[in-house]
């Protein structure tokens, strides 16, 4: 759907891989705040930014701890949608 490998929880996309970047669903409300973090950039699909997603470049998830942090953020958001 978004041009890469993605993972879902209860039917809600949470994270994935797009090229060399980690795609993380943070939700529209957290997107702008998340974009201020190091190594994070907007996710663009079809020339349009996706409101609830960001891309994290490899430097932002180079350690196991930082990768876990980003995946957990995506999981937390996806779980928040599962009522």
PDB file of N, CA and C in Angstrom:
ATOM      1  N   UNK A   1       0.807  -1.202   0.000  1.00  0.00           N
ATOM      2  CA  UNK A   1       0.000   0.000   0.000  1.00  0.00           C
ATOM      3  C   UNK A   1       0.849   1.264   0.000  1.00  0.00           C
ATOM      4  N   UNK A   2       1.945   1.293   0.735  1.00  0.00           N
ATOM      5  CA  UNK A   2       2.744   2.506   0.845  1.00  0.00           C
ATOM      6  C   UNK A   2       4.124   2.359   0.206  1.00  0.00           C
ATOM      7  N   UNK A   3       4.282   1.390  -0.635  1.00  0.00           N
ATOM      8  CA  UNK A   3       5.526   1.246  -1.357  1.00  0.00           C
ATOM      9  C   UNK A   3       6.644   0.546  -0.602  1.00  0.00           C
ATOM     10  N   UNK A   4       6.314  -0.165   0.435  1.00  0.00           N
ATOM     11  CA  UNK A   4       7.326  -0.882   1.206  1.00  0.00           C
ATOM     12  C   UNK A   4       6.687  -2.025   1.963  1.00  0.00           C
ATOM     13  N   UNK A   5       7.457  -2.653   2.805  1.00  0.00           N
ATOM     14  CA  UNK A   5       6.977  -3.736   3.653  1.00  0.00           C
ATOM     15  C   UNK A   5       6.383  -3.116   4.908  1.00  0.00           C
ATOM     16  N   UNK A   6       5.160  -3.490   5.246  1.00  0.00           N
ATOM     17  CA  UNK A   6       4.533  -2.903   6.436  1.00  0.00           C
ATOM     18  C   UNK A   6       3.956  -3.990   7.332  1.00  0.00           C
ATOM     19  N   UNK A   7       3.787  -3.623   8.595  1.00  0.00           N
ATOM     20  CA  UNK A   7       3.279  -4.536   9.608  1.00  0.00           C
ATOM     21  C   UNK A   7       2.060  -3.923  10.272  1.00  0.00           C
ATOM     22  N   UNK A   8       1.098  -4.774  10.594  1.00  0.00           N
ATOM     23  CA  UNK A   8      -0.154  -4.318  11.187  1.00  0.00           C
ATOM     24  C   UNK A   8      -0.447  -5.058  12.479  1.00  0.00           C
ATOM     25  N   UNK A   9      -1.242  -4.409  13.317  1.00  0.00           N
ATOM     26  CA  UNK A   9      -1.736  -4.990  14.559  1.00  0.00           C
ATOM     27  C   UNK A   9      -3.255  -4.856  14.521  1.00  0.00           C
ATOM     28  N   UNK A  10      -3.961  -5.959  14.589  1.00  0.00           N
ATOM     29  CA  UNK A  10      -5.427  -5.951  14.528  1.00  0.00           C
ATOM     30  C   UNK A  10      -5.935  -5.145  13.334  1.00  0.00           C
ATOM     31  N   UNK A  11      -5.242  -5.263  12.197  1.00  0.00           N
ATOM     32  CA  UNK A  11      -5.668  -4.587  10.983  1.00  0.00           C
ATOM     33  C   UNK A  11      -5.224  -3.141  10.864  1.00  0.00           C
ATOM     34  N   UNK A  12      -4.466  -2.630  11.834  1.00  0.00           N
ATOM     35  CA  UNK A  12      -3.992  -1.249  11.803  1.00  0.00           C
ATOM     36  C   UNK A  12      -2.491  -1.217  11.566  1.00  0.00           C
ATOM     37  N   UNK A  13      -2.080  -0.548  10.486  1.00  0.00           N
ATOM     38  CA  UNK A  13      -0.661  -0.466  10.174  1.00  0.00           C
ATOM     39  C   UNK A  13       0.070   0.265  11.302  1.00  0.00           C
ATOM     40  N   UNK A  14       1.249  -0.266  11.676  1.00  0.00           N
ATOM     41  CA  UNK A  14       2.008   0.364  12.759  1.00  0.00           C
ATOM     42  C   UNK A  14       3.404   0.787  12.341  1.00  0.00           C
ATOM     43  N   UNK A  15       4.062  -0.008  11.515  1.00  0.00           N
ATOM     44  CA  UNK A  15       5.422   0.330  11.110  1.00  0.00           C
ATOM     45  C   UNK A  15       5.796  -0.501   9.889  1.00  0.00           C
ATOM     46  N   UNK A  16       6.968  -0.221   9.365  1.00  0.00           N
ATOM     47  CA  UNK A  16       7.421  -0.971   8.216  1.00  0.00           C
ATOM     48  C   UNK A  16       8.749  -0.451   7.709  1.00  0.00           C
ATOM     49  N   UNK A  17       9.076  -0.861   6.506  1.00  0.00           N
ATOM     50  CA  UNK A  17      10.334  -0.485   5.884  1.00  0.00           C
ATOM     51  C   UNK A  17      10.015   0.127   4.523  1.00  0.00           C
ATOM     52  N   UNK A  18      10.607   1.272   4.261  1.00  0.00           N
ATOM     53  CA  UNK A  18      10.449   1.934   2.967  1.00  0.00           C
ATOM     54  C   UNK A  18      11.844   2.320   2.498  1.00  0.00           C
ATOM     55  N   UNK A  19      12.389   1.566   1.569  1.00  0.00           N
ATOM     56  CA  UNK A  19      13.779   1.768   1.172  1.00  0.00           C
ATOM     57  C   UNK A  19      14.675   1.387   2.334  1.00  0.00           C
ATOM     58  N   UNK A  20      15.546   2.288   2.728  1.00  0.00           N
ATOM     59  CA  UNK A  20      16.425   2.048   3.880  1.00  0.00           C
ATOM     60  C   UNK A  20      15.856   2.624   5.167  1.00  0.00           C
ATOM     61  N   UNK A  21      14.726   3.296   5.076  1.00  0.00           N
ATOM     62  CA  UNK A  21      14.145   3.974   6.235  1.00  0.00           C
ATOM     63  C   UNK A  21      13.118   3.102   6.953  1.00  0.00           C
ATOM     64  N   UNK A  22      12.923   3.414   8.207  1.00  0.00           N
ATOM     65  CA  UNK A  22      11.881   2.794   9.018  1.00  0.00           C
ATOM     66  C   UNK A  22      10.656   3.686   8.946  1.00  0.00           C
ATOM     67  N   UNK A  23       9.533   3.127   8.568  1.00  0.00           N
ATOM     68  CA  UNK A  23       8.273   3.845   8.500  1.00  0.00           C
ATOM     69  C   UNK A  23       7.541   3.596   9.819  1.00  0.00           C
ATOM     70  N   UNK A  24       7.117   4.679  10.475  1.00  0.00           N
ATOM     71  CA  UNK A  24       6.444   4.539  11.770  1.00  0.00           C
ATOM     72  C   UNK A  24       5.155   5.341  11.751  1.00  0.00           C
ATOM     73  N   UNK A  25       4.077   4.698  12.169  1.00  0.00           N
ATOM     74  CA  UNK A  25       2.793   5.393  12.274  1.00  0.00           C
ATOM     75  C   UNK A  25       2.711   6.001  13.666  1.00  0.00           C
ATOM     76  N   UNK A  26       2.714   7.323  13.708  1.00  0.00           N
ATOM     77  CA  UNK A  26       2.672   8.030  14.986  1.00  0.00           C
ATOM     78  C   UNK A  26       1.350   8.762  15.191  1.00  0.00           C
ATOM     79  N   UNK A  27       0.546   8.841  14.152  1.00  0.00           N
ATOM     80  CA  UNK A  27      -0.723   9.554  14.228  1.00  0.00           C
ATOM     81  C   UNK A  27      -0.563  11.008  13.815  1.00  0.00           C
ATOM     82  N   UNK A  28      -1.623  11.555  13.278  1.00  0.00           N
ATOM     83  CA  UNK A  28      -1.588  12.928  12.768  1.00  0.00           C
ATOM     84  C   UNK A  28      -1.269  13.938  13.863  1.00  0.00           C
ATOM     85  N   UNK A  29      -1.782  13.722  15.064  1.00  0.00           N
ATOM     86  CA  UNK A  29      -1.570  14.672  16.155  1.00  0.00           C
ATOM     87  C   UNK A  29      -0.108  14.739  16.590  1.00  0.00           C
ATOM     88  N   UNK A  30       0.613  13.648  16.486  1.00  0.00           N
ATOM     89  CA  UNK A  30       2.012  13.605  16.933  1.00  0.00           C
ATOM     90  C   UNK A  30       3.004  13.823  15.801  1.00  0.00           C
ATOM     91  N   UNK A  31       2.537  13.887  14.577  1.00  0.00           N
ATOM     92  CA  UNK A  31       3.449  13.946  13.428  1.00  0.00           C
ATOM     93  C   UNK A  31       4.385  15.149  13.471  1.00  0.00           C
ATOM     94  N   UNK A  32       3.865  16.350  13.627  1.00  0.00           N
ATOM     95  CA  UNK A  32       4.712  17.549  13.607  1.00  0.00           C
ATOM     96  C   UNK A  32       5.738  17.527  14.728  1.00  0.00           C
ATOM     97  N   UNK A  33       5.348  17.120  15.905  1.00  0.00           N
ATOM     98  CA  UNK A  33       6.261  17.019  17.040  1.00  0.00           C
ATOM     99  C   UNK A  33       7.348  15.983  16.756  1.00  0.00           C
ATOM    100  N   UNK A  34       6.959  14.873  16.160  1.00  0.00           N
ATOM    101  CA  UNK A  34       7.913  13.806  15.861  1.00  0.00           C
ATOM    102  C   UNK A  34       8.912  14.245  14.792  1.00  0.00           C
ATOM    103  N   UNK A  35       8.472  15.074  13.873  1.00  0.00           N
ATOM    104  CA  UNK A  35       9.363  15.544  12.814  1.00  0.00           C
ATOM    105  C   UNK A  35      10.499  16.417  13.338  1.00  0.00           C
ATOM    106  N   UNK A  36      10.413  16.900  14.562  1.00  0.00           N
ATOM    107  CA  UNK A  36      11.491  17.704  15.141  1.00  0.00           C
ATOM    108  C   UNK A  36      12.608  16.833  15.717  1.00  0.00           C
ATOM    109  N   UNK A  37      12.384  15.524  15.787  1.00  0.00           N
ATOM    110  CA  UNK A  37      13.387  14.618  16.341  1.00  0.00           C
ATOM    111  C   UNK A  37      14.477  14.329  15.303  1.00  0.00           C
ATOM    112  N   UNK A  38      15.692  14.018  15.778  1.00  0.00           N
ATOM    113  CA  UNK A  38      16.789  13.743  14.842  1.00  0.00           C
ATOM    114  C   UNK A  38      16.496  12.559  13.924  1.00  0.00           C
ATOM    115  N   UNK A  39      16.915  12.680  12.677  1.00  0.00           N
ATOM    116  CA  UNK A  39      16.856  11.609  11.671  1.00  0.00           C
ATOM    117  C   UNK A  39      15.436  11.255  11.230  1.00  0.00           C
ATOM    118  N   UNK A  40      14.484  12.129  11.511  1.00  0.00           N
ATOM    119  CA  UNK A  40      13.079  11.887  11.154  1.00  0.00           C
ATOM    120  C   UNK A  40      12.691  12.856  10.045  1.00  0.00           C
ATOM    121  N   UNK A  41      11.958  12.332   9.064  1.00  0.00           N
ATOM    122  CA  UNK A  41      11.490  13.168   7.956  1.00  0.00           C
ATOM    123  C   UNK A  41      10.058  12.756   7.593  1.00  0.00           C
ATOM    124  N   UNK A  42       9.374  13.609   6.855  1.00  0.00           N
ATOM    125  CA  UNK A  42       7.999  13.275   6.472  1.00  0.00           C
ATOM    126  C   UNK A  42       7.957  12.054   5.559  1.00  0.00           C
ATOM    127  N   UNK A  43       6.907  11.301   5.668  1.00  0.00           N
ATOM    128  CA  UNK A  43       6.674  10.208   4.727  1.00  0.00           C
ATOM    129  C   UNK A  43       5.801  10.750   3.614  1.00  0.00           C
ATOM    130  N   UNK A  44       6.268  10.583   2.391  1.00  0.00           N
ATOM    131  CA  UNK A  44       5.544  11.066   1.228  1.00  0.00           C
ATOM    132  C   UNK A  44       5.197   9.868   0.363  1.00  0.00           C
ATOM    133  N   UNK A  45       3.957   9.816  -0.065  1.00  0.00           N
ATOM    134  CA  UNK A  45       3.498   8.737  -0.937  1.00  0.00           C
ATOM    135  C   UNK A  45       2.668   9.361  -2.042  1.00  0.00           C
ATOM    136  N   UNK A  46       3.060   9.105  -3.275  1.00  0.00           N
ATOM    137  CA  UNK A  46       2.341   9.700  -4.396  1.00  0.00           C
ATOM    138  C   UNK A  46       2.422  11.217  -4.394  1.00  0.00           C
ATOM    139  N   UNK A  47       3.556  11.758  -4.000  1.00  0.00           N
ATOM    140  CA  UNK A  47       3.816  13.206  -3.937  1.00  0.00           C
ATOM    141  C   UNK A  47       3.040  13.916  -2.840  1.00  0.00           C
ATOM    142  N   UNK A  48       2.393  13.150  -1.958  1.00  0.00           N
ATOM    143  CA  UNK A  48       1.636  13.760  -0.851  1.00  0.00           C
ATOM    144  C   UNK A  48       2.172  13.244   0.480  1.00  0.00           C
ATOM    145  N   UNK A  49       2.335  14.131   1.458  1.00  0.00           N
ATOM    146  CA  UNK A  49       2.755  13.661   2.778  1.00  0.00           C
ATOM    147  C   UNK A  49       1.621  12.868   3.431  1.00  0.00           C
ATOM    148  N   UNK A  50       1.981  11.790   4.104  1.00  0.00           N
ATOM    149  CA  UNK A  50       0.989  11.005   4.840  1.00  0.00           C
ATOM    150  C   UNK A  50       0.893  11.585   6.251  1.00  0.00           C
ATOM    151  N   UNK A  51      -0.285  11.972   6.634  1.00  0.00           N
ATOM    152  CA  UNK A  51      -0.490  12.728   7.872  1.00  0.00           C
ATOM    153  C   UNK A  51      -0.033  11.998   9.132  1.00  0.00           C
ATOM    154  N   UNK A  52      -0.197  10.718   9.204  1.00  0.00           N
ATOM    155  CA  UNK A  52       0.093  10.008  10.441  1.00  0.00           C
ATOM    156  C   UNK A  52       1.382   9.218  10.461  1.00  0.00           C
ATOM    157  N   UNK A  53       2.206   9.366   9.422  1.00  0.00           N
ATOM    158  CA  UNK A  53       3.415   8.558   9.301  1.00  0.00           C
ATOM    159  C   UNK A  53       4.660   9.422   9.190  1.00  0.00           C
ATOM    160  N   UNK A  54       5.774   8.882   9.671  1.00  0.00           N
ATOM    161  CA  UNK A  54       7.083   9.501   9.484  1.00  0.00           C
ATOM    162  C   UNK A  54       8.058   8.428   9.008  1.00  0.00           C
ATOM    163  N   UNK A  55       9.168   8.880   8.452  1.00  0.00           N
ATOM    164  CA  UNK A  55      10.267   7.991   8.095  1.00  0.00           C
ATOM    165  C   UNK A  55      11.441   8.310   9.010  1.00  0.00           C
ATOM    166  N   UNK A  56      12.079   7.275   9.508  1.00  0.00           N
ATOM    167  CA  UNK A  56      13.257   7.429  10.351  1.00  0.00           C
ATOM    168  C   UNK A  56      14.437   6.873   9.559  1.00  0.00           C
ATOM    169  N   UNK A  57      15.417   7.725   9.309  1.00  0.00           N
ATOM    170  CA  UNK A  57      16.595   7.278   8.573  1.00  0.00           C
ATOM    171  C   UNK A  57      17.437   6.344   9.436  1.00  0.00           C
ATOM    172  N   UNK A  58      18.265   5.499   8.810  1.00  0.00           N
ATOM    173  CA  UNK A  58      19.011   4.477   9.544  1.00  0.00           C
ATOM    174  C   UNK A  58      19.786   4.965  10.769  1.00  0.00           C
ATOM    175  N   UNK A  59      20.321   6.163  10.717  1.00  0.00           N
ATOM    176  CA  UNK A  59      21.051   6.674  11.884  1.00  0.00           C
ATOM    177  C   UNK A  59      20.145   6.804  13.108  1.00  0.00           C
ATOM    178  N   UNK A  60      18.852   6.918  12.885  1.00  0.00           N
ATOM    179  CA  UNK A  60      17.900   7.068  13.986  1.00  0.00           C
ATOM    180  C   UNK A  60      17.490   5.766  14.638  1.00  0.00           C
ATOM    181  N   UNK A  61      17.863   4.638  14.040  1.00  0.00           N
ATOM    182  CA  UNK A  61      17.527   3.343  14.646  1.00  0.00           C
ATOM    183  C   UNK A  61      18.702   2.376  14.575  1.00  0.00           C
ATOM    184  N   UNK A  62      19.900   2.904  14.695  1.00  0.00           N
ATOM    185  CA  UNK A  62      21.091   2.060  14.534  1.00  0.00           C
ATOM    186  C   UNK A  62      21.363   1.156  15.722  1.00  0.00           C
ATOM    187  N   UNK A  63      20.832   1.491  16.902  1.00  0.00           N
ATOM    188  CA  UNK A  63      21.005   0.607  18.059  1.00  0.00           C
ATOM    189  C   UNK A  63      19.732  -0.189  18.289  1.00  0.00           C
ATOM    190  N   UNK A  64      19.862  -1.317  18.947  1.00  0.00           N
ATOM    191  CA  UNK A  64      18.674  -2.125  19.265  1.00  0.00           C
ATOM    192  C   UNK A  64      17.682  -1.322  20.094  1.00  0.00           C
ATOM    193  N   UNK A  65      18.192  -0.538  21.034  1.00  0.00           N
ATOM    194  CA  UNK A  65      17.311   0.252  21.905  1.00  0.00           C
ATOM    195  C   UNK A  65      16.527   1.289  21.107  1.00  0.00           C
ATOM    196  N   UNK A  66      17.187   1.978  20.174  1.00  0.00           N
ATOM    197  CA  UNK A  66      16.471   2.993  19.398  1.00  0.00           C
ATOM    198  C   UNK A  66      15.477   2.354  18.430  1.00  0.00           C
ATOM    199  N   UNK A  67      15.820   1.204  17.865  1.00  0.00           N
ATOM    200  CA  UNK A  67      14.881   0.490  17.000  1.00  0.00           C
ATOM    201  C   UNK A  67      13.660   0.056  17.794  1.00  0.00           C
ATOM    202  N   UNK A  68      13.877  -0.487  18.983  1.00  0.00           N
ATOM    203  CA  UNK A  68      12.752  -0.894  19.850  1.00  0.00           C
ATOM    204  C   UNK A  68      11.857   0.291  20.181  1.00  0.00           C
ATOM    205  N   UNK A  69      12.474   1.450  20.459  1.00  0.00           N
ATOM    206  CA  UNK A  69      11.705   2.649  20.803  1.00  0.00           C
ATOM    207  C   UNK A  69      10.768   3.037  19.662  1.00  0.00           C
ATOM    208  N   UNK A  70      11.296   3.043  18.442  1.00  0.00           N
ATOM    209  CA  UNK A  70      10.460   3.431  17.301  1.00  0.00           C
ATOM    210  C   UNK A  70       9.368   2.411  17.017  1.00  0.00           C
ATOM    211  N   UNK A  71       9.693   1.158  17.077  1.00  0.00           N
ATOM    212  CA  UNK A  71       8.675   0.128  16.854  1.00  0.00           C
ATOM    213  C   UNK A  71       7.592   0.213  17.918  1.00  0.00           C
ATOM    214  N   UNK A  72       7.987   0.446  19.158  1.00  0.00           N
ATOM    215  CA  UNK A  72       7.002   0.565  20.240  1.00  0.00           C
ATOM    216  C   UNK A  72       6.071   1.749  20.007  1.00  0.00           C
ATOM    217  N   UNK A  73       6.608   2.842  19.500  1.00  0.00           N
ATOM    218  CA  UNK A  73       5.751   4.003  19.198  1.00  0.00           C
ATOM    219  C   UNK A  73       4.692   3.632  18.163  1.00  0.00           C
ATOM    220  N   UNK A  74       5.102   2.908  17.131  1.00  0.00           N
ATOM    221  CA  UNK A  74       4.138   2.473  16.128  1.00  0.00           C
ATOM    222  C   UNK A  74       3.118   1.508  16.696  1.00  0.00           C
ATOM    223  N   UNK A  75       3.587   0.574  17.525  1.00  0.00           N
ATOM    224  CA  UNK A  75       2.670  -0.376  18.166  1.00  0.00           C
ATOM    225  C   UNK A  75       1.688   0.343  19.083  1.00  0.00           C
ATOM    226  N   UNK A  76       2.188   1.284  19.863  1.00  0.00           N
ATOM    227  CA  UNK A  76       1.308   2.020  20.788  1.00  0.00           C
ATOM    228  C   UNK A  76       0.204   2.738  20.024  1.00  0.00           C
ATOM    229  N   UNK A  77       0.567   3.367  18.893  1.00  0.00           N
ATOM    230  CA  UNK A  77      -0.457   4.077  18.136  1.00  0.00           C
ATOM    231  C   UNK A  77      -1.460   3.091  17.537  1.00  0.00           C
ATOM    232  N   UNK A  78      -0.972   2.032  16.929  1.00  0.00           N
ATOM    233  CA  UNK A  78      -1.879   1.046  16.326  1.00  0.00           C
ATOM    234  C   UNK A  78      -2.804   0.439  17.378  1.00  0.00           C
ATOM    235  N   UNK A  79      -2.258   0.151  18.548  1.00  0.00           N
ATOM    236  CA  UNK A  79      -3.094  -0.406  19.618  1.00  0.00           C
ATOM    237  C   UNK A  79      -4.134   0.595  20.102  1.00  0.00           C
ATOM    238  N   UNK A  80      -3.836   1.878  20.018  1.00  0.00           N
ATOM    239  CA  UNK A  80      -4.804   2.892  20.449  1.00  0.00           C
ATOM    240  C   UNK A  80      -6.023   2.925  19.526  1.00  0.00           C
ATOM    241  N   UNK A  81      -5.894   2.393  18.325  1.00  0.00           N
ATOM    242  CA  UNK A  81      -6.992   2.370  17.366  1.00  0.00           C
ATOM    243  C   UNK A  81      -7.885   1.131  17.518  1.00  0.00           C
ATOM    244  N   UNK A  82      -7.426   0.187  18.319  1.00  0.00           N
ATOM    245  CA  UNK A  82      -8.137  -1.089  18.443  1.00  0.00           C
ATOM    246  C   UNK A  82      -9.114  -1.108  19.596  1.00  0.00           C
ATOM    247  N   UNK A  83      -9.626   0.021  19.932  1.00  0.00           N
ATOM    248  CA  UNK A  83     -10.682   0.168  20.903  1.00  0.00           C
ATOM    249  C   UNK A  83     -10.505  -0.522  22.160  1.00  0.00           C
TER     250      UNK A  83
END
